């Protein structure tokens, strides 16, 4: 039977939103969180080396448990450059999203616990990518098609 009024409008809006291709959603999620981590990584380097300021922050402010501060600074700097590149390319996407989700959880728990709204947004993007994959606009998709 035919719907009328507000019910029809809602049904039409839902149908339009359901037609959004997942590949665009995934691409936006990949690029958006990659940009955040890449920019953060760029603040940690001075040329091709980890900056003194970064080492200072990891020693005196962040204080992660069970991890040497210098090692933590180098690992974070590497991760914030390596995994965003993988996300943008859509290569090893689920792995890169998992790695950055773990990093996000460490930041939330040990460094900035009051930043949960921001970290929750990042986590949502990572969980979408982990559960649904990178979409068709990705190297993962091209590689999977090649070997099917």
C-alpha atoms as a PDB file:
ATOM      1  CA  UNK A   1       0.000   0.000   0.000  1.00  0.00           C
ATOM      2  CA  UNK A   2       1.072   3.542  -0.607  1.00  0.00           C
ATOM      3  CA  UNK A   3       2.559   5.664   2.151  1.00  0.00           C
ATOM      4  CA  UNK A   4       1.743   9.300   2.462  1.00  0.00           C
ATOM      5  CA  UNK A   5       3.003  12.337   4.295  1.00  0.00           C
ATOM      6  CA  UNK A   6       5.856  12.110   6.755  1.00  0.00           C
ATOM      7  CA  UNK A   7       6.106   8.299   6.551  1.00  0.00           C
ATOM      8  CA  UNK A   8       6.693   8.482   2.797  1.00  0.00           C
ATOM      9  CA  UNK A   9       9.284  11.217   3.244  1.00  0.00           C
ATOM     10  CA  UNK A  10      11.134   9.169   5.851  1.00  0.00           C
ATOM     11  CA  UNK A  11      11.009   6.057   3.663  1.00  0.00           C
ATOM     12  CA  UNK A  12      12.400   7.997   0.688  1.00  0.00           C
ATOM     13  CA  UNK A  13      15.186   9.558   2.804  1.00  0.00           C
ATOM     14  CA  UNK A  14      16.106   6.124   4.170  1.00  0.00           C
ATOM     15  CA  UNK A  15      16.205   4.692   0.657  1.00  0.00           C
ATOM     16  CA  UNK A  16      18.467   7.510  -0.543  1.00  0.00           C
ATOM     17  CA  UNK A  17      20.855   7.057   2.372  1.00  0.00           C
ATOM     18  CA  UNK A  18      20.885   3.272   1.900  1.00  0.00           C
ATOM     19  CA  UNK A  19      22.023   3.864  -1.685  1.00  0.00           C
ATOM     20  CA  UNK A  20      25.296   5.502  -0.587  1.00  0.00           C
ATOM     21  CA  UNK A  21      28.019   3.135  -1.816  1.00  0.00           C
ATOM     22  CA  UNK A  22      30.083   1.642   1.002  1.00  0.00           C
ATOM     23  CA  UNK A  23      33.275   2.247  -0.987  1.00  0.00           C
ATOM     24  CA  UNK A  24      32.815   6.013  -0.461  1.00  0.00           C
ATOM     25  CA  UNK A  25      32.106   5.617   3.246  1.00  0.00           C
ATOM     26  CA  UNK A  26      35.211   3.453   3.656  1.00  0.00           C
ATOM     27  CA  UNK A  27      37.384   5.813   1.616  1.00  0.00           C
ATOM     28  CA  UNK A  28      36.346   8.797   3.728  1.00  0.00           C
ATOM     29  CA  UNK A  29      36.913   6.848   6.958  1.00  0.00           C
ATOM     30  CA  UNK A  30      40.355   5.718   5.746  1.00  0.00           C
ATOM     31  CA  UNK A  31      41.512   9.172   4.650  1.00  0.00           C
ATOM     32  CA  UNK A  32      40.065  11.060   7.629  1.00  0.00           C
ATOM     33  CA  UNK A  33      41.744   8.997  10.351  1.00  0.00           C
ATOM     34  CA  UNK A  34      44.916   8.600   8.306  1.00  0.00           C
ATOM     35  CA  UNK A  35      45.236  12.382   8.121  1.00  0.00           C
ATOM     36  CA  UNK A  36      44.899  12.748  11.891  1.00  0.00           C
ATOM     37  CA  UNK A  37      47.644  10.239  12.614  1.00  0.00           C
ATOM     38  CA  UNK A  38      49.923  11.436   9.789  1.00  0.00           C
ATOM     39  CA  UNK A  39      49.737  15.010  11.073  1.00  0.00           C
ATOM     40  CA  UNK A  40      50.485  13.843  14.592  1.00  0.00           C
ATOM     41  CA  UNK A  41      53.452  11.866  13.280  1.00  0.00           C
ATOM     42  CA  UNK A  42      54.756  14.937  11.491  1.00  0.00           C
ATOM     43  CA  UNK A  43      54.843  16.841  14.787  1.00  0.00           C
ATOM     44  CA  UNK A  44      57.121  14.157  16.212  1.00  0.00           C
ATOM     45  CA  UNK A  45      59.950  14.511  13.687  1.00  0.00           C
ATOM     46  CA  UNK A  46      62.651  17.000  12.926  1.00  0.00           C
ATOM     47  CA  UNK A  47      63.754  16.167   9.407  1.00  0.00           C
ATOM     48  CA  UNK A  48      64.331  12.413   9.324  1.00  0.00           C
ATOM     49  CA  UNK A  49      64.709  11.899  13.067  1.00  0.00           C
ATOM     50  CA  UNK A  50      62.506  11.839  16.128  1.00  0.00           C
ATOM     51  CA  UNK A  51      62.642  15.316  17.633  1.00  0.00           C
ATOM     52  CA  UNK A  52      64.039  16.123  21.063  1.00  0.00           C
ATOM     53  CA  UNK A  53      60.647  17.566  21.994  1.00  0.00           C
ATOM     54  CA  UNK A  54      59.008  14.216  21.216  1.00  0.00           C
ATOM     55  CA  UNK A  55      61.523  12.346  23.347  1.00  0.00           C
ATOM     56  CA  UNK A  56      60.920  14.839  26.164  1.00  0.00           C
ATOM     57  CA  UNK A  57      57.119  14.364  25.964  1.00  0.00           C
ATOM     58  CA  UNK A  58      57.393  10.583  26.104  1.00  0.00           C
ATOM     59  CA  UNK A  59      59.808  10.747  29.059  1.00  0.00           C
ATOM     60  CA  UNK A  60      58.132  13.445  31.130  1.00  0.00           C
ATOM     61  CA  UNK A  61      54.476  13.733  30.143  1.00  0.00           C
ATOM     62  CA  UNK A  62      53.098  10.569  28.534  1.00  0.00           C
ATOM     63  CA  UNK A  63      54.786   8.008  30.834  1.00  0.00           C
ATOM     64  CA  UNK A  64      53.430   4.815  29.325  1.00  0.00           C
ATOM     65  CA  UNK A  65      53.724   1.789  31.606  1.00  0.00           C
ATOM     66  CA  UNK A  66      55.935  -1.179  30.705  1.00  0.00           C
ATOM     67  CA  UNK A  67      57.592   0.596  27.775  1.00  0.00           C
ATOM     68  CA  UNK A  68      60.837   2.519  27.630  1.00  0.00           C
ATOM     69  CA  UNK A  69      59.963   6.150  26.762  1.00  0.00           C
ATOM     70  CA  UNK A  70      62.544   6.384  23.970  1.00  0.00           C
ATOM     71  CA  UNK A  71      61.302   3.160  22.400  1.00  0.00           C
ATOM     72  CA  UNK A  72      57.695   4.344  22.774  1.00  0.00           C
ATOM     73  CA  UNK A  73      58.547   7.626  21.025  1.00  0.00           C
ATOM     74  CA  UNK A  74      60.139   5.800  18.095  1.00  0.00           C
ATOM     75  CA  UNK A  75      57.323   3.247  17.841  1.00  0.00           C
ATOM     76  CA  UNK A  76      54.616   5.935  17.934  1.00  0.00           C
ATOM     77  CA  UNK A  77      56.437   8.030  15.338  1.00  0.00           C
ATOM     78  CA  UNK A  78      56.821   5.023  13.039  1.00  0.00           C
ATOM     79  CA  UNK A  79      53.199   3.932  13.512  1.00  0.00           C
ATOM     80  CA  UNK A  80      51.842   7.414  12.821  1.00  0.00           C
ATOM     81  CA  UNK A  81      53.634   7.476   9.479  1.00  0.00           C
ATOM     82  CA  UNK A  82      53.410   3.846   8.330  1.00  0.00           C
ATOM     83  CA  UNK A  83      49.808   2.867   9.105  1.00  0.00           C
ATOM     84  CA  UNK A  84      48.192   6.020   7.661  1.00  0.00           C
ATOM     85  CA  UNK A  85      49.920   5.338   4.335  1.00  0.00           C
ATOM     86  CA  UNK A  86      48.492   1.812   4.371  1.00  0.00           C
ATOM     87  CA  UNK A  87      45.020   3.180   5.123  1.00  0.00           C
ATOM     88  CA  UNK A  88      45.091   5.722   2.299  1.00  0.00           C
ATOM     89  CA  UNK A  89      46.236   3.057  -0.150  1.00  0.00           C
ATOM     90  CA  UNK A  90      43.737   0.567   1.218  1.00  0.00           C
ATOM     91  CA  UNK A  91      46.549  -1.952   1.688  1.00  0.00           C
ATOM     92  CA  UNK A  92      46.448  -4.321   4.671  1.00  0.00           C
ATOM     93  CA  UNK A  93      43.595  -2.083   5.752  1.00  0.00           C
ATOM     94  CA  UNK A  94      42.181  -4.251   8.513  1.00  0.00           C
ATOM     95  CA  UNK A  95      45.642  -4.725  10.025  1.00  0.00           C
ATOM     96  CA  UNK A  96      46.441  -0.991   9.828  1.00  0.00           C
ATOM     97  CA  UNK A  97      43.077  -0.113  11.378  1.00  0.00           C
ATOM     98  CA  UNK A  98      43.664  -2.607  14.195  1.00  0.00           C
ATOM     99  CA  UNK A  99      47.142  -1.199  14.874  1.00  0.00           C
ATOM    100  CA  UNK A 100      45.832   2.369  15.046  1.00  0.00           C
ATOM    101  CA  UNK A 101      42.844   1.283  17.160  1.00  0.00           C
ATOM    102  CA  UNK A 102      45.265  -0.230  19.682  1.00  0.00           C
ATOM    103  CA  UNK A 103      47.308   2.969  19.606  1.00  0.00           C
ATOM    104  CA  UNK A 104      44.118   4.989  20.125  1.00  0.00           C
ATOM    105  CA  UNK A 105      43.197   2.861  23.143  1.00  0.00           C
ATOM    106  CA  UNK A 106      46.662   3.348  24.651  1.00  0.00           C
ATOM    107  CA  UNK A 107      46.377   7.110  24.135  1.00  0.00           C
ATOM    108  CA  UNK A 108      42.894   7.141  25.663  1.00  0.00           C
ATOM    109  CA  UNK A 109      43.771   5.016  28.693  1.00  0.00           C
ATOM    110  CA  UNK A 110      47.248   6.282  29.553  1.00  0.00           C
ATOM    111  CA  UNK A 111      47.743   9.714  27.994  1.00  0.00           C
ATOM    112  CA  UNK A 112      44.530  11.689  27.395  1.00  0.00           C
ATOM    113  CA  UNK A 113      41.616   9.943  29.151  1.00  0.00           C
ATOM    114  CA  UNK A 114      39.382  13.000  28.857  1.00  0.00           C
ATOM    115  CA  UNK A 115      39.578  12.950  25.052  1.00  0.00           C
ATOM    116  CA  UNK A 116      37.181  10.017  24.710  1.00  0.00           C
ATOM    117  CA  UNK A 117      34.782  11.819  22.316  1.00  0.00           C
ATOM    118  CA  UNK A 118      37.592  12.277  19.791  1.00  0.00           C
ATOM    119  CA  UNK A 119      39.043   8.840  20.391  1.00  0.00           C
ATOM    120  CA  UNK A 120      35.582   7.312  20.118  1.00  0.00           C
ATOM    121  CA  UNK A 121      35.173   8.862  16.676  1.00  0.00           C
ATOM    122  CA  UNK A 122      38.505   7.415  15.560  1.00  0.00           C
ATOM    123  CA  UNK A 123      37.605   4.033  17.057  1.00  0.00           C
ATOM    124  CA  UNK A 124      34.304   3.995  15.162  1.00  0.00           C
ATOM    125  CA  UNK A 125      36.142   4.551  11.872  1.00  0.00           C
ATOM    126  CA  UNK A 126      38.645   1.804  12.691  1.00  0.00           C
ATOM    127  CA  UNK A 127      35.922  -0.645  13.714  1.00  0.00           C
ATOM    128  CA  UNK A 128      33.999   0.001  10.483  1.00  0.00           C
ATOM    129  CA  UNK A 129      37.144  -0.661   8.452  1.00  0.00           C
ATOM    130  CA  UNK A 130      38.041  -3.741  10.482  1.00  0.00           C
ATOM    131  CA  UNK A 131      34.565  -5.263  10.239  1.00  0.00           C
ATOM    132  CA  UNK A 132      33.624  -4.272   6.677  1.00  0.00           C
ATOM    133  CA  UNK A 133      36.999  -3.890   4.983  1.00  0.00           C
ATOM    134  CA  UNK A 134      38.396  -1.054   2.873  1.00  0.00           C
ATOM    135  CA  UNK A 135      35.789  -1.089   0.112  1.00  0.00           C
ATOM    136  CA  UNK A 136      36.306  -1.447  -3.612  1.00  0.00           C
ATOM    137  CA  UNK A 137      38.440   1.708  -3.936  1.00  0.00           C
ATOM    138  CA  UNK A 138      41.481   0.024  -2.410  1.00  0.00           C
ATOM    139  CA  UNK A 139      44.546  -2.025  -3.217  1.00  0.00           C
ATOM    140  CA  UNK A 140      43.184  -4.772  -0.957  1.00  0.00           C
ATOM    141  CA  UNK A 141      40.184  -5.080  -3.276  1.00  0.00           C
ATOM    142  CA  UNK A 142      42.369  -5.195  -6.395  1.00  0.00           C
ATOM    143  CA  UNK A 143      44.642  -7.820  -4.851  1.00  0.00           C
ATOM    144  CA  UNK A 144      41.669  -9.931  -3.735  1.00  0.00           C
ATOM    145  CA  UNK A 145      40.135  -9.767  -7.229  1.00  0.00           C
ATOM    146  CA  UNK A 146      43.434 -10.820  -8.778  1.00  0.00           C
ATOM    147  CA  UNK A 147      43.717 -13.942  -6.611  1.00  0.00           C
ATOM    148  CA  UNK A 148      40.102 -15.079  -6.599  1.00  0.00           C
END
